[in-house]
PDB file of N, CA and C in Angstrom:
ATOM      1  N   ARG A   1      14.407  20.980 -15.429  1.00  0.00           N
ATOM      2  CA  ARG A   1      13.241  20.086 -15.493  1.00  0.00           C
ATOM      3  C   ARG A   1      12.777  20.159 -14.190  1.00  0.00           C
ATOM      4  N   MET A   2      11.622  20.142 -14.014  1.00  0.00           N
ATOM      5  CA  MET A   2      10.961  20.072 -12.561  1.00  0.00           C
ATOM      6  C   MET A   2       9.716  18.866 -12.679  1.00  0.00           C
ATOM      7  N   ILE A   3       9.757  18.109 -11.641  1.00  0.00           N
ATOM      8  CA  ILE A   3       8.801  17.019 -11.632  1.00  0.00           C
ATOM      9  C   ILE A   3       8.076  17.461 -10.050  1.00  0.00           C
ATOM     10  N   VAL A   4       6.534  17.507 -10.186  1.00  0.00           N
ATOM     11  CA  VAL A   4       6.045  17.958  -9.148  1.00  0.00           C
ATOM     12  C   VAL A   4       5.180  16.711  -8.948  1.00  0.00           C
ATOM     13  N   ASN A   5       5.002  16.402  -7.630  1.00  0.00           N
ATOM     14  CA  ASN A   5       3.888  15.327  -7.140  1.00  0.00           C
ATOM     15  C   ASN A   5       3.449  15.788  -5.806  1.00  0.00           C
ATOM     16  N   MET A   6       2.240  16.240  -6.074  1.00  0.00           N
ATOM     17  CA  MET A   6       1.418  16.682  -4.893  1.00  0.00           C
ATOM     18  C   MET A   6       0.164  15.777  -4.258  1.00  0.00           C
ATOM     19  N   SER A   7       0.318  15.107  -3.388  1.00  0.00           N
ATOM     20  CA  SER A   7      -0.625  14.294  -2.819  1.00  0.00           C
ATOM     21  C   SER A   7      -0.948  14.618  -1.476  1.00  0.00           C
ATOM     22  N   VAL A   8      -2.314  14.074  -1.157  1.00  0.00           N
ATOM     23  CA  VAL A   8      -2.588  14.520   0.144  1.00  0.00           C
ATOM     24  C   VAL A   8      -3.150  13.005   0.865  1.00  0.00           C
ATOM     25  N   TRP A   9      -2.362  13.065   2.100  1.00  0.00           N
ATOM     26  CA  TRP A   9      -2.411  11.623   2.936  1.00  0.00           C
ATOM     27  C   TRP A   9      -3.581  11.956   4.026  1.00  0.00           C
ATOM     28  N   GLU A  10      -4.002  11.016   4.382  1.00  0.00           N
ATOM     29  CA  GLU A  10      -5.132  11.272   5.776  1.00  0.00           C
ATOM     30  C   GLU A  10      -4.144  11.081   6.996  1.00  0.00           C
ATOM     31  N   SER A  11      -3.206  10.226   6.714  1.00  0.00           N
ATOM     32  CA  SER A  11      -2.373  10.219   8.124  1.00  0.00           C
ATOM     33  C   SER A  11      -0.864   9.746   7.855  1.00  0.00           C
ATOM     34  N   ALA A  12      -0.070  10.122   8.802  1.00  0.00           N
ATOM     35  CA  ALA A  12       1.484   9.633   8.262  1.00  0.00           C
ATOM     36  C   ALA A  12       1.461   8.258   8.094  1.00  0.00           C
ATOM     37  N   GLY A  13       0.795   7.244   8.660  1.00  0.00           N
ATOM     38  CA  GLY A  13       0.637   5.986   8.526  1.00  0.00           C
ATOM     39  C   GLY A  13       0.230   5.690   7.259  1.00  0.00           C
ATOM     40  N   ASP A  14      -0.451   6.160   6.619  1.00  0.00           N
ATOM     41  CA  ASP A  14      -1.212   5.814   5.167  1.00  0.00           C
ATOM     42  C   ASP A  14      -0.010   6.203   4.319  1.00  0.00           C
ATOM     43  N   LEU A  15       0.742   7.109   4.375  1.00  0.00           N
ATOM     44  CA  LEU A  15       1.871   7.741   3.584  1.00  0.00           C
ATOM     45  C   LEU A  15       2.735   6.918   3.845  1.00  0.00           C
ATOM     46  N   GLU A  16       3.069   6.269   4.893  1.00  0.00           N
ATOM     47  CA  GLU A  16       4.519   5.511   5.116  1.00  0.00           C
ATOM     48  C   GLU A  16       3.818   3.966   4.519  1.00  0.00           C
ATOM     49  N   ASN A  17       2.565   3.655   4.506  1.00  0.00           N
ATOM     50  CA  ASN A  17       2.256   2.582   3.837  1.00  0.00           C
ATOM     51  C   ASN A  17       2.300   2.417   2.411  1.00  0.00           C
ATOM     52  N   PHE A  18       2.191   3.728   1.982  1.00  0.00           N
ATOM     53  CA  PHE A  18       2.246   3.693   0.591  1.00  0.00           C
ATOM     54  C   PHE A  18       3.619   3.660  -0.140  1.00  0.00           C
ATOM     55  N   VAL A  19       4.562   4.634   0.574  1.00  0.00           N
ATOM     56  CA  VAL A  19       6.009   4.429   0.351  1.00  0.00           C
ATOM     57  C   VAL A  19       6.752   2.905   0.480  1.00  0.00           C
ATOM     58  N   PHE A  20       6.055   2.496   1.641  1.00  0.00           N
ATOM     59  CA  PHE A  20       7.082   1.178   2.056  1.00  0.00           C
ATOM     60  C   PHE A  20       6.491  -0.183   1.734  1.00  0.00           C
ATOM     61  N   ASN A  21       5.095  -0.103   1.475  1.00  0.00           N
ATOM     62  CA  ASN A  21       4.427  -1.393   1.353  1.00  0.00           C
ATOM     63  C   ASN A  21       3.660  -1.381   0.039  1.00  0.00           C
ATOM     64  N   THR A  22       4.292  -0.682  -1.058  1.00  0.00           N
ATOM     65  CA  THR A  22       3.450  -0.816  -2.327  1.00  0.00           C
ATOM     66  C   THR A  22       4.710  -0.767  -3.368  1.00  0.00           C
ATOM     67  N   VAL A  23       4.459  -0.925  -4.589  1.00  0.00           N
ATOM     68  CA  VAL A  23       5.255  -0.891  -5.459  1.00  0.00           C
ATOM     69  C   VAL A  23       5.931   0.477  -5.572  1.00  0.00           C
ATOM     70  N   HIS A  24       5.728   1.428  -4.950  1.00  0.00           N
ATOM     71  CA  HIS A  24       6.548   2.422  -4.811  1.00  0.00           C
ATOM     72  C   HIS A  24       7.922   2.482  -3.997  1.00  0.00           C
ATOM     73  N   ARG A  25       7.883   1.498  -3.172  1.00  0.00           N
ATOM     74  CA  ARG A  25       8.838   0.990  -2.215  1.00  0.00           C
ATOM     75  C   ARG A  25      10.186   0.635  -3.033  1.00  0.00           C
ATOM     76  N   GLN A  26      10.133   0.212  -4.362  1.00  0.00           N
ATOM     77  CA  GLN A  26      11.212  -0.162  -5.310  1.00  0.00           C
ATOM     78  C   GLN A  26      11.524   0.883  -5.794  1.00  0.00           C
ATOM     79  N   ILE A  27      10.784   1.900  -6.166  1.00  0.00           N
ATOM     80  CA  ILE A  27      11.229   3.113  -6.563  1.00  0.00           C
ATOM     81  C   ILE A  27      12.269   4.026  -5.529  1.00  0.00           C
ATOM     82  N   TYR A  28      11.526   3.872  -4.525  1.00  0.00           N
ATOM     83  CA  TYR A  28      12.392   4.570  -3.231  1.00  0.00           C
ATOM     84  C   TYR A  28      13.605   4.081  -3.009  1.00  0.00           C
ATOM     85  N   LYS A  29      13.832   2.761  -2.847  1.00  0.00           N
ATOM     86  CA  LYS A  29      14.965   2.071  -2.598  1.00  0.00           C
ATOM     87  C   LYS A  29      15.881   2.386  -3.693  1.00  0.00           C
ATOM     88  N   ARG A  30      15.648   2.801  -5.096  1.00  0.00           N
ATOM     89  CA  ARG A  30      16.676   2.994  -6.011  1.00  0.00           C
ATOM     90  C   ARG A  30      16.961   4.188  -6.273  1.00  0.00           C
ATOM     91  N   ARG A  31      16.207   5.229  -5.658  1.00  0.00           N
ATOM     92  CA  ARG A  31      16.010   6.764  -5.665  1.00  0.00           C
ATOM     93  C   ARG A  31      17.867   7.064  -5.913  1.00  0.00           C
ATOM     94  N   ALA A  32      18.609   6.675  -5.468  1.00  0.00           N
ATOM     95  CA  ALA A  32      20.270   7.372  -5.504  1.00  0.00           C
ATOM     96  C   ALA A  32      20.797   6.919  -6.965  1.00  0.00           C
ATOM     97  N   GLU A  33      20.088   5.815  -7.648  1.00  0.00           N
ATOM     98  CA  GLU A  33      20.285   5.624  -8.865  1.00  0.00           C
ATOM     99  C   GLU A  33      20.055   6.635 -10.104  1.00  0.00           C
ATOM    100  N   TRP A  34      18.779   7.098  -9.734  1.00  0.00           N
ATOM    101  CA  TRP A  34      18.007   8.358 -10.641  1.00  0.00           C
ATOM    102  C   TRP A  34      18.389   9.722 -10.544  1.00  0.00           C
ATOM    103  N   PHE A  35      18.575   9.845  -8.985  1.00  0.00           N
ATOM    104  CA  PHE A  35      18.658  11.545  -8.498  1.00  0.00           C
ATOM    105  C   PHE A  35      19.884  11.762  -7.789  1.00  0.00           C
ATOM    106  N   SER A  36      20.504  12.717  -8.405  1.00  0.00           N
ATOM    107  CA  SER A  36      21.603  13.238  -7.767  1.00  0.00           C
ATOM    108  C   SER A  36      21.374  13.981  -6.548  1.00  0.00           C
ATOM    109  N   THR A  37      22.255  14.082  -5.596  1.00  0.00           N
ATOM    110  CA  THR A  37      22.241  14.564  -4.133  1.00  0.00           C
ATOM    111  C   THR A  37      22.001  15.989  -4.575  1.00  0.00           C
ATOM    112  N   MET A  38      20.934  16.739  -3.778  1.00  0.00           N
ATOM    113  CA  MET A  38      20.644  18.184  -3.929  1.00  0.00           C
ATOM    114  C   MET A  38      21.119  19.169  -2.873  1.00  0.00           C
ATOM    115  N   LYS A  39      21.706  20.177  -3.050  1.00  0.00           N
ATOM    116  CA  LYS A  39      22.007  21.007  -1.825  1.00  0.00           C
ATOM    117  C   LYS A  39      21.005  21.546  -1.012  1.00  0.00           C
ATOM    118  N   SER A  40      20.091  22.012  -1.603  1.00  0.00           N
ATOM    119  CA  SER A  40      18.644  22.379  -0.981  1.00  0.00           C
ATOM    120  C   SER A  40      17.520  21.455  -0.980  1.00  0.00           C
ATOM    121  N   HIS A  41      16.543  21.573  -0.077  1.00  0.00           N
ATOM    122  CA  HIS A  41      15.334  20.820   0.097  1.00  0.00           C
ATOM    123  C   HIS A  41      14.517  20.625  -1.478  1.00  0.00           C
ATOM    124  N   HIS A  42      14.322  19.443  -1.520  1.00  0.00           N
ATOM    125  CA  HIS A  42      13.597  19.183  -2.788  1.00  0.00           C
ATOM    126  C   HIS A  42      12.060  18.548  -2.654  1.00  0.00           C
ATOM    127  N   PHE A  43      11.841  18.318  -1.120  1.00  0.00           N
ATOM    128  CA  PHE A  43      10.812  17.677  -1.080  1.00  0.00           C
ATOM    129  C   PHE A  43      10.418  18.223   0.484  1.00  0.00           C
ATOM    130  N   VAL A  44       9.006  18.532   0.735  1.00  0.00           N
ATOM    131  CA  VAL A  44       8.395  19.301   1.944  1.00  0.00           C
ATOM    132  C   VAL A  44       7.301  18.421   2.494  1.00  0.00           C
ATOM    133  N   MET A  45       6.826  18.337   3.532  1.00  0.00           N
ATOM    134  CA  MET A  45       5.540  17.869   3.739  1.00  0.00           C
ATOM    135  C   MET A  45       4.961  19.053   4.937  1.00  0.00           C
ATOM    136  N   TRP A  46       3.633  19.052   4.850  1.00  0.00           N
ATOM    137  CA  TRP A  46       2.982  19.970   5.847  1.00  0.00           C
ATOM    138  C   TRP A  46       1.634  19.387   6.123  1.00  0.00           C
ATOM    139  N   TRP A  47       0.965  19.693   7.274  1.00  0.00           N
ATOM    140  CA  TRP A  47      -0.594  19.227   7.699  1.00  0.00           C
ATOM    141  C   TRP A  47      -1.520  20.470   6.939  1.00  0.00           C
ATOM    142  N   VAL A  48      -2.603  19.821   6.114  1.00  0.00           N
ATOM    143  CA  VAL A  48      -3.509  20.625   5.756  1.00  0.00           C
ATOM    144  C   VAL A  48      -4.971  20.549   6.366  1.00  0.00           C
ATOM    145  N   PRO A  49      -5.755  21.596   6.464  1.00  0.00           N
ATOM    146  CA  PRO A  49      -7.118  21.059   7.102  1.00  0.00           C
ATOM    147  C   PRO A  49      -7.943  20.472   6.078  1.00  0.00           C
ATOM    148  N   VAL A  50      -8.789  19.510   6.966  1.00  0.00           N
ATOM    149  CA  VAL A  50      -9.738  18.872   5.880  1.00  0.00           C
ATOM    150  C   VAL A  50     -10.525  19.703   4.890  1.00  0.00           C
ATOM    151  N   GLY A  51     -10.472  19.099   3.842  1.00  0.00           N
ATOM    152  CA  GLY A  51     -11.025  20.133   2.700  1.00  0.00           C
ATOM    153  C   GLY A  51     -10.222  20.828   1.817  1.00  0.00           C
ATOM    154  N   HIS A  52      -9.124  21.169   2.360  1.00  0.00           N
ATOM    155  CA  HIS A  52      -8.337  22.105   1.566  1.00  0.00           C
ATOM    156  C   HIS A  52      -7.348  21.356   0.376  1.00  0.00           C
ATOM    157  N   THR A  53      -7.271  22.071  -0.511  1.00  0.00           N
ATOM    158  CA  THR A  53      -6.453  21.247  -1.681  1.00  0.00           C
ATOM    159  C   THR A  53      -5.130  22.121  -1.547  1.00  0.00           C
ATOM    160  N   PRO A  54      -4.019  21.861  -1.279  1.00  0.00           N
ATOM    161  CA  PRO A  54      -2.958  22.636  -1.583  1.00  0.00           C
ATOM    162  C   PRO A  54      -2.711  22.936  -3.151  1.00  0.00           C
ATOM    163  N   ASP A  55      -1.997  23.734  -3.450  1.00  0.00           N
ATOM    164  CA  ASP A  55      -1.618  24.296  -4.826  1.00  0.00           C
ATOM    165  C   ASP A  55      -0.155  24.371  -4.923  1.00  0.00           C
ATOM    166  N   LEU A  56       0.445  24.578  -6.130  1.00  0.00           N
ATOM    167  CA  LEU A  56       1.751  24.385  -6.400  1.00  0.00           C
ATOM    168  C   LEU A  56       2.490  25.836  -5.828  1.00  0.00           C
ATOM    169  N   ALA A  57       1.689  26.827  -5.535  1.00  0.00           N
ATOM    170  CA  ALA A  57       2.157  28.249  -4.807  1.00  0.00           C
ATOM    171  C   ALA A  57       2.283  27.885  -3.282  1.00  0.00           C
ATOM    172  N   GLU A  58       1.395  27.277  -2.930  1.00  0.00           N
ATOM    173  CA  GLU A  58       1.727  26.760  -1.737  1.00  0.00           C
ATOM    174  C   GLU A  58       2.921  26.050  -1.196  1.00  0.00           C
ATOM    175  N   ALA A  59       3.040  24.886  -2.225  1.00  0.00           N
ATOM    176  CA  ALA A  59       4.066  23.791  -1.888  1.00  0.00           C
ATOM    177  C   ALA A  59       5.542  24.732  -2.000  1.00  0.00           C
ATOM    178  N   ARG A  60       5.476  25.692  -2.885  1.00  0.00           N
ATOM    179  CA  ARG A  60       6.862  26.342  -3.093  1.00  0.00           C
ATOM    180  C   ARG A  60       7.015  27.157  -2.029  1.00  0.00           C
ATOM    181  N   GLU A  61       5.802  27.678  -1.192  1.00  0.00           N
ATOM    182  CA  GLU A  61       5.976  28.664   0.001  1.00  0.00           C
ATOM    183  C   GLU A  61       6.544  27.792   1.175  1.00  0.00           C
ATOM    184  N   LYS A  62       5.858  26.431   1.228  1.00  0.00           N
ATOM    185  CA  LYS A  62       6.266  25.701   2.202  1.00  0.00           C
ATOM    186  C   LYS A  62       7.834  25.122   2.054  1.00  0.00           C
ATOM    187  N   LEU A  63       8.299  24.911   0.819  1.00  0.00           N
ATOM    188  CA  LEU A  63       9.487  24.405   0.456  1.00  0.00           C
ATOM    189  C   LEU A  63      10.419  25.522   0.886  1.00  0.00           C
ATOM    190  N   SER A  64      10.264  26.922   0.445  1.00  0.00           N
ATOM    191  CA  SER A  64      11.099  27.884   0.988  1.00  0.00           C
ATOM    192  C   SER A  64      11.225  28.274   2.479  1.00  0.00           C
ATOM    193  N   HIS A  65      10.283  27.817   3.120  1.00  0.00           N
ATOM    194  CA  HIS A  65       9.920  27.903   4.618  1.00  0.00           C
ATOM    195  C   HIS A  65      11.097  26.851   5.341  1.00  0.00           C
ATOM    196  N   LEU A  66      10.916  25.962   4.581  1.00  0.00           N
ATOM    197  CA  LEU A  66      11.797  24.563   5.065  1.00  0.00           C
ATOM    198  C   LEU A  66      13.403  24.885   4.865  1.00  0.00           C
ATOM    199  N   ASP A  67      13.577  25.425   3.469  1.00  0.00           N
ATOM    200  CA  ASP A  67      14.964  25.839   3.379  1.00  0.00           C
ATOM    201  C   ASP A  67      15.341  26.958   4.403  1.00  0.00           C
ATOM    202  N   THR A  68      14.636  27.928   4.598  1.00  0.00           N
ATOM    203  CA  THR A  68      15.016  29.203   5.651  1.00  0.00           C
ATOM    204  C   THR A  68      15.105  29.010   6.826  1.00  0.00           C
ATOM    205  N   HIS A  69      14.268  28.087   7.375  1.00  0.00           N
ATOM    206  CA  HIS A  69      13.990  27.992   8.916  1.00  0.00           C
ATOM    207  C   HIS A  69      14.275  26.358   9.237  1.00  0.00           C
ATOM    208  N   GLY A  70      14.525  25.517   8.477  1.00  0.00           N
ATOM    209  CA  GLY A  70      14.615  24.083   8.826  1.00  0.00           C
ATOM    210  C   GLY A  70      13.188  23.622   9.120  1.00  0.00           C
ATOM    211  N   PRO A  71      13.274  22.314   9.711  1.00  0.00           N
ATOM    212  CA  PRO A  71      11.891  21.725   9.736  1.00  0.00           C
ATOM    213  C   PRO A  71      11.222  22.529  11.146  1.00  0.00           C
ATOM    214  N   THR A  72      10.035  22.763  10.944  1.00  0.00           N
ATOM    215  CA  THR A  72       8.875  23.346  12.093  1.00  0.00           C
ATOM    216  C   THR A  72       7.711  22.456  11.688  1.00  0.00           C
ATOM    217  N   PRO A  73       6.864  22.548  12.765  1.00  0.00           N
ATOM    218  CA  PRO A  73       5.757  21.865  12.479  1.00  0.00           C
ATOM    219  C   PRO A  73       4.552  22.401  11.286  1.00  0.00           C
ATOM    220  N   SER A  74       5.099  23.729  10.564  1.00  0.00           N
ATOM    221  CA  SER A  74       4.375  23.966   9.390  1.00  0.00           C
ATOM    222  C   SER A  74       5.084  23.628   7.974  1.00  0.00           C
ATOM    223  N   ALA A  75       6.324  22.986   8.133  1.00  0.00           N
ATOM    224  CA  ALA A  75       6.941  22.538   6.917  1.00  0.00           C
ATOM    225  C   ALA A  75       8.090  21.423   7.507  1.00  0.00           C
ATOM    226  N   PHE A  76       8.157  20.211   6.962  1.00  0.00           N
ATOM    227  CA  PHE A  76       8.915  19.425   7.411  1.00  0.00           C
ATOM    228  C   PHE A  76       9.156  18.310   6.584  1.00  0.00           C
ATOM    229  N   GLY A  77      10.193  17.320   7.007  1.00  0.00           N
ATOM    230  CA  GLY A  77      10.675  15.997   5.893  1.00  0.00           C
ATOM    231  C   GLY A  77      10.588  14.868   6.387  1.00  0.00           C
ATOM    232  N   TRP A  78      10.912  13.887   5.915  1.00  0.00           N
ATOM    233  CA  TRP A  78      10.760  12.283   6.384  1.00  0.00           C
ATOM    234  C   TRP A  78      11.221  12.133   7.975  1.00  0.00           C
ATOM    235  N   ASP A  79      12.602  13.161   8.089  1.00  0.00           N
ATOM    236  CA  ASP A  79      13.168  12.915   9.332  1.00  0.00           C
ATOM    237  C   ASP A  79      12.291  13.171  10.476  1.00  0.00           C
ATOM    238  N   GLU A  80      11.617  14.524  10.270  1.00  0.00           N
ATOM    239  CA  GLU A  80      10.713  14.622  11.380  1.00  0.00           C
ATOM    240  C   GLU A  80       9.452  13.840  11.351  1.00  0.00           C
ATOM    241  N   LEU A  81       9.088  13.390  10.354  1.00  0.00           N
ATOM    242  CA  LEU A  81       8.025  12.500  10.381  1.00  0.00           C
ATOM    243  C   LEU A  81       8.098  10.983  11.020  1.00  0.00           C
ATOM    244  N   ILE A  82       8.968  10.516  10.905  1.00  0.00           N
ATOM    245  CA  ILE A  82       9.256   9.104  11.434  1.00  0.00           C
ATOM    246  C   ILE A  82      10.526   8.950  12.490  1.00  0.00           C
ATOM    247  N   SER A  83      10.934  10.178  12.917  1.00  0.00           N
ATOM    248  CA  SER A  83      11.909  10.028  14.164  1.00  0.00           C
ATOM    249  C   SER A  83      10.897   9.917  15.159  1.00  0.00           C
ATOM    250  N   GLY A  84      11.633   9.489  16.357  1.00  0.00           N
ATOM    251  CA  GLY A  84      11.000   9.021  17.796  1.00  0.00           C
ATOM    252  C   GLY A  84      10.074  10.406  18.259  1.00  0.00           C
ATOM    253  N   ASP A  85      10.864  11.191  17.848  1.00  0.00           N
ATOM    254  CA  ASP A  85      10.560  12.683  18.488  1.00  0.00           C
ATOM    255  C   ASP A  85       9.655  13.454  17.287  1.00  0.00           C
ATOM    256  N   SER A  86       8.879  12.639  16.501  1.00  0.00           N
ATOM    257  CA  SER A  86       8.331  13.341  15.104  1.00  0.00           C
ATOM    258  C   SER A  86       7.384  14.392  15.618  1.00  0.00           C
ATOM    259  N   LEU A  87       7.287  15.335  14.412  1.00  0.00           N
ATOM    260  CA  LEU A  87       5.994  16.550  14.500  1.00  0.00           C
ATOM    261  C   LEU A  87       4.786  15.649  14.394  1.00  0.00           C
ATOM    262  N   TRP A  88       4.843  14.634  13.569  1.00  0.00           N
ATOM    263  CA  TRP A  88       3.671  14.309  13.363  1.00  0.00           C
ATOM    264  C   TRP A  88       2.770  13.777  14.665  1.00  0.00           C
ATOM    265  N   ARG A  89       3.688  13.370  15.414  1.00  0.00           N
ATOM    266  CA  ARG A  89       2.801  12.681  16.679  1.00  0.00           C
ATOM    267  C   ARG A  89       2.082  13.837  17.577  1.00  0.00           C
ATOM    268  N   ASP A  90       2.549  15.124  17.452  1.00  0.00           N
ATOM    269  CA  ASP A  90       1.917  16.100  18.041  1.00  0.00           C
ATOM    270  C   ASP A  90       0.501  16.819  17.324  1.00  0.00           C
ATOM    271  N   ALA A  91       0.727  16.587  15.945  1.00  0.00           N
ATOM    272  CA  ALA A  91      -0.337  17.111  14.978  1.00  0.00           C
ATOM    273  C   ALA A  91      -1.764  16.335  15.201  1.00  0.00           C
ATOM    274  N   ARG A  92      -2.516  16.883  14.623  1.00  0.00           N
ATOM    275  CA  ARG A  92      -3.953  16.342  14.684  1.00  0.00           C
ATOM    276  C   ARG A  92      -4.505  16.469  13.309  1.00  0.00           C
ATOM    277  N   CYS A  93      -4.786  15.267  12.516  1.00  0.00           N
ATOM    278  CA  CYS A  93      -5.309  15.141  11.640  1.00  0.00           C
ATOM    279  C   CYS A  93      -7.055  15.532  11.549  1.00  0.00           C
ATOM    280  N   ALA A  94      -7.444  16.406  11.688  1.00  0.00           N
ATOM    281  CA  ALA A  94      -8.983  16.193  11.676  1.00  0.00           C
ATOM    282  C   ALA A  94      -9.714  16.064  10.535  1.00  0.00           C
TER     283      ALA A  94
END
């Protein structure tokens, strides 16, 4: 069974606020109880142009890119988003 959640955020700060400062925080904190550790990536983030709505095919392509090449500016995960040398600091949300 596959669960897909595609959301578009205006900024990394908006995403972090949603994950860590709303009811979603309680779910995130208990994720280990509900999900087993996966060997491949199951979550990917990427920057999209204003007005673009990503679809499932694009998400699968980005996930495959992350699995194949590791984190890059075009496909990355939480570690790159919130670390001191994060990719999002160099990206522009136009």
